[in-house]
Amino acid sequence: MSFTELLDRIAMRQKQREQRHVSDYRSLVAQIADGQEPDPDDVSHILADVGRTVDDLRASVDLLLRRRSLKQTYDLLPALTRERADIEKRISTANAALEKAEQTHETTTYPLFGRLNQIKHAVADADRARTALVDSCDDADLLDQLADVRSRFTDACNRRSALQQECSSLRDWISTDREAASRERPTRAQELTEQAERREARLRQFEAEIADLTRQIPEIEREESELRQRMLEP
């Protein structure tokens, strides 16, 4: 074997040894990144073989973990691309359907809105005509009946409102009397109790009248409506 061949063999073995050391180091980095705990002596030997420090090892582990995370993110790309294309296609289909529906809606509703506008104007004209017919009615008998109905309606509403206020006051006074009676001497307590009972009797009377008025008011309104309907005749 020549000297040159010997040097070549030595160089090749040195390169193989360096490659093995690098491979061991990479395996060590992967082992730590996987959460495994290597033997400290083995770690020291491997670091010495590749000329690295513990800080270098820490940096290598952090780099591998970061690259693994990046790879996981990158691996999602094909599925995300397919899903994006599918969603965009579905949106496009929905947009086309919406455009068609909007066109159909416009074609259908345009004449309807036109007619609806005409009806609104006609209804307003009819309302004005009804008011004018009632205002211009010269039937003295109907006018007298309408005035009487309106007067009875106003009186009933005012009376009910006044009674409701009176009932509210009576309830407060009754509560006050009952509460005071519970603290007074027997004679005074008896007076307060009897006073509360008289107020309760009035309250029941007023409530009955309110109920009666509440039934009467709609009947008066119907009577007025019938009179106004009769006043529409020329």
C-alpha atoms as a PDB file:
ATOM      1  CA  MET A   1       0.000   0.000   0.000  1.00  0.00           C
ATOM      2  CA  SER A   2       1.390   3.348  -1.004  1.00  0.00           C
ATOM      3  CA  PHE A   3       1.633   6.291   1.366  1.00  0.00           C
ATOM      4  CA  THR A   4      -1.025   8.141  -0.586  1.00  0.00           C
ATOM      5  CA  GLU A   5      -3.448   5.273  -0.295  1.00  0.00           C
ATOM      6  CA  LEU A   6      -2.772   5.098   3.441  1.00  0.00           C
ATOM      7  CA  LEU A   7      -3.557   8.781   3.880  1.00  0.00           C
ATOM      8  CA  ASP A   8      -6.735   8.382   1.852  1.00  0.00           C
ATOM      9  CA  ARG A   9      -7.899   5.524   4.043  1.00  0.00           C
ATOM     10  CA  ILE A  10      -7.140   7.504   7.211  1.00  0.00           C
ATOM     11  CA  ALA A  11      -9.032  10.500   5.848  1.00  0.00           C
ATOM     12  CA  MET A  12     -12.014   8.332   4.880  1.00  0.00           C
ATOM     13  CA  ARG A  13     -12.172   6.738   8.323  1.00  0.00           C
ATOM     14  CA  GLN A  14     -11.912  10.151   9.963  1.00  0.00           C
ATOM     15  CA  LYS A  15     -14.783  11.403   7.812  1.00  0.00           C
ATOM     16  CA  GLN A  16     -16.863   8.328   8.666  1.00  0.00           C
ATOM     17  CA  ARG A  17     -16.157   8.903  12.380  1.00  0.00           C
ATOM     18  CA  GLU A  18     -17.188  12.563  12.102  1.00  0.00           C
ATOM     19  CA  GLN A  19     -20.381  11.574  10.294  1.00  0.00           C
ATOM     20  CA  ARG A  20     -21.138   9.033  13.011  1.00  0.00           C
ATOM     21  CA  HIS A  21     -20.569  11.662  15.703  1.00  0.00           C
ATOM     22  CA  VAL A  22     -22.899  14.077  13.920  1.00  0.00           C
ATOM     23  CA  SER A  23     -25.501  11.328  13.570  1.00  0.00           C
ATOM     24  CA  ASP A  24     -25.184  10.527  17.288  1.00  0.00           C
ATOM     25  CA  TYR A  25     -25.618  14.212  18.109  1.00  0.00           C
ATOM     26  CA  ARG A  26     -28.709  14.514  15.938  1.00  0.00           C
ATOM     27  CA  SER A  27     -30.143  11.387  17.548  1.00  0.00           C
ATOM     28  CA  LEU A  28     -29.427  12.884  20.985  1.00  0.00           C
ATOM     29  CA  VAL A  29     -31.219  16.104  20.024  1.00  0.00           C
ATOM     30  CA  ALA A  30     -34.229  14.139  18.751  1.00  0.00           C
ATOM     31  CA  GLN A  31     -34.269  12.004  21.894  1.00  0.00           C
ATOM     32  CA  ILE A  32     -34.419  15.054  24.168  1.00  0.00           C
ATOM     33  CA  ALA A  33     -37.041  16.734  21.933  1.00  0.00           C
ATOM     34  CA  ASP A  34     -39.159  13.572  22.274  1.00  0.00           C
ATOM     35  CA  GLY A  35     -39.106  13.989  26.048  1.00  0.00           C
ATOM     36  CA  GLN A  36     -36.665  11.191  26.756  1.00  0.00           C
ATOM     37  CA  GLU A  37     -33.827  11.577  29.300  1.00  0.00           C
ATOM     38  CA  PRO A  38     -30.459  10.352  27.975  1.00  0.00           C
ATOM     39  CA  ASP A  39     -27.578   9.159  30.120  1.00  0.00           C
ATOM     40  CA  PRO A  40     -25.491  12.183  31.240  1.00  0.00           C
ATOM     41  CA  ASP A  41     -22.233  10.391  30.492  1.00  0.00           C
ATOM     42  CA  ASP A  42     -23.370   9.581  26.978  1.00  0.00           C
ATOM     43  CA  VAL A  43     -24.327  13.208  26.507  1.00  0.00           C
ATOM     44  CA  SER A  44     -20.886  14.367  27.654  1.00  0.00           C
ATOM     45  CA  HIS A  45     -19.124  11.960  25.261  1.00  0.00           C
ATOM     46  CA  ILE A  46     -21.302  12.958  22.311  1.00  0.00           C
ATOM     47  CA  LEU A  47     -20.811  16.674  22.967  1.00  0.00           C
ATOM     48  CA  ALA A  48     -17.076  16.166  23.239  1.00  0.00           C
ATOM     49  CA  ASP A  49     -17.003  14.180  19.994  1.00  0.00           C
ATOM     50  CA  VAL A  50     -18.735  16.949  18.021  1.00  0.00           C
ATOM     51  CA  GLY A  51     -17.158  19.849  19.880  1.00  0.00           C
ATOM     52  CA  ARG A  52     -20.493  21.214  21.176  1.00  0.00           C
ATOM     53  CA  THR A  53     -21.555  22.660  24.550  1.00  0.00           C
ATOM     54  CA  VAL A  54     -24.670  22.193  26.639  1.00  0.00           C
ATOM     55  CA  ASP A  55     -25.912  25.579  25.391  1.00  0.00           C
ATOM     56  CA  ASP A  56     -25.385  24.364  21.844  1.00  0.00           C
ATOM     57  CA  LEU A  57     -27.420  21.272  22.671  1.00  0.00           C
ATOM     58  CA  ARG A  58     -30.212  23.374  24.168  1.00  0.00           C
ATOM     59  CA  ALA A  59     -30.266  25.566  21.076  1.00  0.00           C
ATOM     60  CA  SER A  60     -30.366  22.495  18.818  1.00  0.00           C
ATOM     61  CA  VAL A  61     -33.306  21.018  20.752  1.00  0.00           C
ATOM     62  CA  ASP A  62     -35.205  24.334  20.593  1.00  0.00           C
ATOM     63  CA  LEU A  63     -34.537  24.540  16.857  1.00  0.00           C
ATOM     64  CA  LEU A  64     -35.782  20.985  16.265  1.00  0.00           C
ATOM     65  CA  LEU A  65     -38.947  21.615  18.276  1.00  0.00           C
ATOM     66  CA  ARG A  66     -39.613  24.813  16.361  1.00  0.00           C
ATOM     67  CA  ARG A  67     -39.031  23.098  13.014  1.00  0.00           C
ATOM     68  CA  ARG A  68     -41.334  20.246  14.002  1.00  0.00           C
ATOM     69  CA  SER A  69     -44.070  22.773  14.841  1.00  0.00           C
ATOM     70  CA  LEU A  70     -43.509  24.525  11.531  1.00  0.00           C
ATOM     71  CA  LYS A  71     -43.704  21.193   9.710  1.00  0.00           C
ATOM     72  CA  GLN A  72     -47.010  20.373  11.384  1.00  0.00           C
ATOM     73  CA  THR A  73     -48.377  23.735  10.256  1.00  0.00           C
ATOM     74  CA  TYR A  74     -47.060  23.195   6.739  1.00  0.00           C
ATOM     75  CA  ASP A  75     -48.535  19.684   6.531  1.00  0.00           C
ATOM     76  CA  LEU A  76     -52.014  21.213   6.932  1.00  0.00           C
ATOM     77  CA  LEU A  77     -51.622  23.081   3.641  1.00  0.00           C
ATOM     78  CA  PRO A  78     -52.964  20.402   1.236  1.00  0.00           C
ATOM     79  CA  ALA A  79     -56.105  19.792   3.304  1.00  0.00           C
ATOM     80  CA  LEU A  80     -56.636  23.515   3.823  1.00  0.00           C
ATOM     81  CA  THR A  81     -56.212  24.153   0.109  1.00  0.00           C
ATOM     82  CA  ARG A  82     -58.816  21.521  -0.757  1.00  0.00           C
ATOM     83  CA  GLU A  83     -61.244  22.833   1.872  1.00  0.00           C
ATOM     84  CA  ARG A  84     -60.743  26.407   0.689  1.00  0.00           C
ATOM     85  CA  ALA A  85     -61.500  25.444  -2.903  1.00  0.00           C
ATOM     86  CA  ASP A  86     -64.639  23.583  -1.791  1.00  0.00           C
ATOM     87  CA  ILE A  87     -65.866  26.526   0.325  1.00  0.00           C
ATOM     88  CA  GLU A  88     -65.201  29.028  -2.448  1.00  0.00           C
ATOM     89  CA  LYS A  89     -67.149  26.818  -4.850  1.00  0.00           C
ATOM     90  CA  ARG A  90     -70.083  26.566  -2.446  1.00  0.00           C
ATOM     91  CA  ILE A  91     -70.051  30.331  -1.884  1.00  0.00           C
ATOM     92  CA  SER A  92     -70.028  30.904  -5.625  1.00  0.00           C
ATOM     93  CA  THR A  93     -72.992  28.553  -6.042  1.00  0.00           C
ATOM     94  CA  ALA A  94     -74.860  30.298  -3.216  1.00  0.00           C
ATOM     95  CA  ASN A  95     -74.119  33.718  -4.705  1.00  0.00           C
ATOM     96  CA  ALA A  96     -75.477  32.600  -8.074  1.00  0.00           C
ATOM     97  CA  ALA A  97     -78.635  31.266  -6.420  1.00  0.00           C
ATOM     98  CA  LEU A  98     -79.040  34.500  -4.464  1.00  0.00           C
ATOM     99  CA  GLU A  99     -78.648  36.601  -7.607  1.00  0.00           C
ATOM    100  CA  LYS A 100     -81.285  34.525  -9.376  1.00  0.00           C
ATOM    101  CA  ALA A 101     -83.607  34.755  -6.379  1.00  0.00           C
ATOM    102  CA  GLU A 102     -83.140  38.534  -6.200  1.00  0.00           C
ATOM    103  CA  GLN A 103     -83.983  38.845  -9.870  1.00  0.00           C
ATOM    104  CA  THR A 104     -87.098  36.713  -9.387  1.00  0.00           C
ATOM    105  CA  HIS A 105     -88.040  38.714  -6.301  1.00  0.00           C
ATOM    106  CA  GLU A 106     -87.667  42.023  -8.119  1.00  0.00           C
ATOM    107  CA  THR A 107     -89.663  40.804 -11.117  1.00  0.00           C
ATOM    108  CA  THR A 108     -92.455  39.549  -8.859  1.00  0.00           C
ATOM    109  CA  THR A 109     -92.645  42.381  -6.351  1.00  0.00           C
ATOM    110  CA  TYR A 110     -92.153  45.403  -8.604  1.00  0.00           C
ATOM    111  CA  PRO A 111     -95.738  45.427  -9.946  1.00  0.00           C
ATOM    112  CA  LEU A 112     -97.057  44.417  -6.511  1.00  0.00           C
ATOM    113  CA  PHE A 113     -95.393  47.383  -4.844  1.00  0.00           C
ATOM    114  CA  GLY A 114     -96.852  49.616  -7.509  1.00  0.00           C
ATOM    115  CA  ARG A 115    -100.336  48.305  -6.825  1.00  0.00           C
ATOM    116  CA  LEU A 116     -99.782  48.480  -3.063  1.00  0.00           C
ATOM    117  CA  ASN A 117     -98.861  52.140  -3.388  1.00  0.00           C
ATOM    118  CA  GLN A 118    -102.073  52.753  -5.335  1.00  0.00           C
ATOM    119  CA  ILE A 119    -104.075  50.987  -2.625  1.00  0.00           C
ATOM    120  CA  LYS A 120    -102.460  53.098   0.114  1.00  0.00           C
ATOM    121  CA  HIS A 121    -103.472  56.267  -1.693  1.00  0.00           C
ATOM    122  CA  ALA A 122    -106.989  54.894  -2.232  1.00  0.00           C
ATOM    123  CA  VAL A 123    -107.292  53.965   1.447  1.00  0.00           C
ATOM    124  CA  ALA A 124    -106.184  57.475   2.439  1.00  0.00           C
ATOM    125  CA  ASP A 125    -108.810  58.907   0.074  1.00  0.00           C
ATOM    126  CA  ALA A 126    -111.434  56.610   1.591  1.00  0.00           C
ATOM    127  CA  ASP A 127    -110.490  57.680   5.131  1.00  0.00           C
ATOM    128  CA  ARG A 128    -110.763  61.328   4.164  1.00  0.00           C
ATOM    129  CA  ALA A 129    -114.098  60.638   2.486  1.00  0.00           C
ATOM    130  CA  ARG A 130    -115.419  58.915   5.608  1.00  0.00           C
ATOM    131  CA  THR A 131    -114.380  61.864   7.756  1.00  0.00           C
ATOM    132  CA  ALA A 132    -115.963  64.311   5.320  1.00  0.00           C
ATOM    133  CA  LEU A 133    -119.198  62.285   5.224  1.00  0.00           C
ATOM    134  CA  VAL A 134    -119.483  62.292   9.011  1.00  0.00           C
ATOM    135  CA  ASP A 135    -118.586  65.977   9.266  1.00  0.00           C
ATOM    136  CA  SER A 136    -121.068  66.953   6.585  1.00  0.00           C
ATOM    137  CA  CYS A 137    -123.969  64.864   7.895  1.00  0.00           C
ATOM    138  CA  ASP A 138    -126.986  67.136   8.467  1.00  0.00           C
ATOM    139  CA  ASP A 139    -129.314  64.539   9.995  1.00  0.00           C
ATOM    140  CA  ALA A 140    -130.230  66.272  13.273  1.00  0.00           C
ATOM    141  CA  ASP A 141    -131.405  63.043  14.925  1.00  0.00           C
ATOM    142  CA  LEU A 142    -128.138  61.217  14.167  1.00  0.00           C
ATOM    143  CA  LEU A 143    -126.091  64.207  15.289  1.00  0.00           C
ATOM    144  CA  ASP A 144    -127.973  64.355  18.603  1.00  0.00           C
ATOM    145  CA  GLN A 145    -127.482  60.621  19.147  1.00  0.00           C
ATOM    146  CA  LEU A 146    -123.764  60.925  18.354  1.00  0.00           C
ATOM    147  CA  ALA A 147    -123.355  63.809  20.792  1.00  0.00           C
ATOM    148  CA  ASP A 148    -125.140  61.789  23.477  1.00  0.00           C
ATOM    149  CA  VAL A 149    -122.941  58.724  22.823  1.00  0.00           C
ATOM    150  CA  ARG A 150    -119.754  60.793  22.899  1.00  0.00           C
ATOM    151  CA  SER A 151    -120.874  62.415  26.172  1.00  0.00           C
ATOM    152  CA  ARG A 152    -121.635  59.020  27.758  1.00  0.00           C
ATOM    153  CA  PHE A 153    -118.292  57.665  26.541  1.00  0.00           C
ATOM    154  CA  THR A 154    -116.355  60.587  28.011  1.00  0.00           C
ATOM    155  CA  ASP A 155    -118.259  60.408  31.301  1.00  0.00           C
ATOM    156  CA  ALA A 156    -117.672  56.659  31.593  1.00  0.00           C
ATOM    157  CA  CYS A 157    -113.942  56.963  30.904  1.00  0.00           C
ATOM    158  CA  ASN A 158    -113.545  59.866  33.332  1.00  0.00           C
ATOM    159  CA  ARG A 159    -115.575  58.076  36.016  1.00  0.00           C
ATOM    160  CA  ARG A 160    -113.530  54.880  35.649  1.00  0.00           C
ATOM    161  CA  SER A 161    -110.274  56.831  35.863  1.00  0.00           C
ATOM    162  CA  ALA A 162    -111.418  58.657  38.992  1.00  0.00           C
ATOM    163  CA  LEU A 163    -112.551  55.406  40.617  1.00  0.00           C
ATOM    164  CA  GLN A 164    -109.242  53.717  39.828  1.00  0.00           C
ATOM    165  CA  GLN A 165    -107.395  56.549  41.561  1.00  0.00           C
ATOM    166  CA  GLU A 166    -109.772  56.372  44.519  1.00  0.00           C
ATOM    167  CA  CYS A 167    -109.257  52.595  44.793  1.00  0.00           C
ATOM    168  CA  SER A 168    -105.511  53.069  44.825  1.00  0.00           C
ATOM    169  CA  SER A 169    -105.816  55.564  47.694  1.00  0.00           C
ATOM    170  CA  LEU A 170    -108.196  53.286  49.595  1.00  0.00           C
ATOM    171  CA  ARG A 171    -105.792  50.356  49.350  1.00  0.00           C
ATOM    172  CA  ASP A 172    -103.027  52.520  50.817  1.00  0.00           C
ATOM    173  CA  TRP A 173    -105.271  53.712  53.655  1.00  0.00           C
ATOM    174  CA  ILE A 174    -106.480  50.181  54.402  1.00  0.00           C
ATOM    175  CA  SER A 175    -102.914  48.955  54.607  1.00  0.00           C
ATOM    176  CA  THR A 176    -102.023  51.843  56.903  1.00  0.00           C
ATOM    177  CA  ASP A 177    -105.026  51.197  59.158  1.00  0.00           C
ATOM    178  CA  ARG A 178    -104.301  47.485  59.423  1.00  0.00           C
ATOM    179  CA  GLU A 179    -100.645  48.061  60.200  1.00  0.00           C
ATOM    180  CA  ALA A 180    -101.432  50.756  62.802  1.00  0.00           C
ATOM    181  CA  ALA A 181    -104.075  48.550  64.454  1.00  0.00           C
ATOM    182  CA  SER A 182    -101.490  45.867  65.096  1.00  0.00           C
ATOM    183  CA  ARG A 183     -99.473  48.345  67.207  1.00  0.00           C
ATOM    184  CA  GLU A 184    -102.254  50.192  69.095  1.00  0.00           C
ATOM    185  CA  ARG A 185    -104.085  49.468  72.329  1.00  0.00           C
ATOM    186  CA  PRO A 186    -107.275  47.350  71.993  1.00  0.00           C
ATOM    187  CA  THR A 187    -109.750  50.243  71.898  1.00  0.00           C
ATOM    188  CA  ARG A 188    -107.839  52.230  69.291  1.00  0.00           C
ATOM    189  CA  ALA A 189    -107.014  49.044  67.396  1.00  0.00           C
ATOM    190  CA  GLN A 190    -110.748  48.247  67.190  1.00  0.00           C
ATOM    191  CA  GLU A 191    -111.468  51.718  65.804  1.00  0.00           C
ATOM    192  CA  LEU A 192    -108.759  51.369  63.156  1.00  0.00           C
ATOM    193  CA  THR A 193    -109.966  47.889  62.226  1.00  0.00           C
ATOM    194  CA  GLU A 194    -113.548  49.085  61.789  1.00  0.00           C
ATOM    195  CA  GLN A 195    -112.309  52.022  59.727  1.00  0.00           C
ATOM    196  CA  ALA A 196    -110.313  49.660  57.499  1.00  0.00           C
ATOM    197  CA  GLU A 197    -113.428  47.468  57.072  1.00  0.00           C
ATOM    198  CA  ARG A 198    -115.540  50.469  56.001  1.00  0.00           C
ATOM    199  CA  ARG A 199    -112.874  51.416  53.489  1.00  0.00           C
ATOM    200  CA  GLU A 200    -112.733  47.848  52.229  1.00  0.00           C
ATOM    201  CA  ALA A 201    -116.505  47.926  51.681  1.00  0.00           C
ATOM    202  CA  ARG A 202    -116.162  51.141  49.678  1.00  0.00           C
ATOM    203  CA  LEU A 203    -113.266  49.576  47.764  1.00  0.00           C
ATOM    204  CA  ARG A 204    -115.411  46.574  46.797  1.00  0.00           C
ATOM    205  CA  GLN A 205    -118.197  48.914  45.725  1.00  0.00           C
ATOM    206  CA  PHE A 206    -115.858  50.989  43.565  1.00  0.00           C
ATOM    207  CA  GLU A 207    -114.240  47.887  42.049  1.00  0.00           C
ATOM    208  CA  ALA A 208    -117.664  46.568  41.073  1.00  0.00           C
ATOM    209  CA  GLU A 209    -118.512  49.905  39.459  1.00  0.00           C
ATOM    210  CA  ILE A 210    -115.161  49.883  37.589  1.00  0.00           C
ATOM    211  CA  ALA A 211    -115.933  46.397  36.272  1.00  0.00           C
ATOM    212  CA  ASP A 212    -119.362  47.569  35.117  1.00  0.00           C
ATOM    213  CA  LEU A 213    -117.893  50.642  33.396  1.00  0.00           C
ATOM    214  CA  THR A 214    -115.248  48.477  31.743  1.00  0.00           C
ATOM    215  CA  ARG A 215    -118.059  46.407  30.213  1.00  0.00           C
ATOM    216  CA  GLN A 216    -120.047  49.502  29.201  1.00  0.00           C
ATOM    217  CA  ILE A 217    -117.252  51.412  27.432  1.00  0.00           C
ATOM    218  CA  PRO A 218    -116.802  48.934  24.537  1.00  0.00           C
ATOM    219  CA  GLU A 219    -120.575  48.816  24.101  1.00  0.00           C
ATOM    220  CA  ILE A 220    -120.676  52.626  23.857  1.00  0.00           C
ATOM    221  CA  GLU A 221    -117.830  52.511  21.343  1.00  0.00           C
ATOM    222  CA  ARG A 222    -119.762  49.981  19.228  1.00  0.00           C
ATOM    223  CA  GLU A 223    -122.835  52.203  19.434  1.00  0.00           C
ATOM    224  CA  GLU A 224    -120.796  55.186  18.236  1.00  0.00           C
ATOM    225  CA  SER A 225    -119.308  53.117  15.409  1.00  0.00           C
ATOM    226  CA  GLU A 226    -122.793  52.095  14.258  1.00  0.00           C
ATOM    227  CA  LEU A 227    -123.967  55.714  14.334  1.00  0.00           C
ATOM    228  CA  ARG A 228    -120.981  56.869  12.318  1.00  0.00           C
ATOM    229  CA  GLN A 229    -121.641  54.103   9.824  1.00  0.00           C
ATOM    230  CA  ARG A 230    -125.212  55.353   9.390  1.00  0.00           C
ATOM    231  CA  MET A 231    -123.875  58.874   8.898  1.00  0.00           C
ATOM    232  CA  LEU A 232    -121.921  57.702   5.844  1.00  0.00           C
ATOM    233  CA  GLU A 233    -125.105  57.347   3.837  1.00  0.00           C
ATOM    234  CA  PRO A 234    -125.647  60.375   1.526  1.00  0.00           C
END
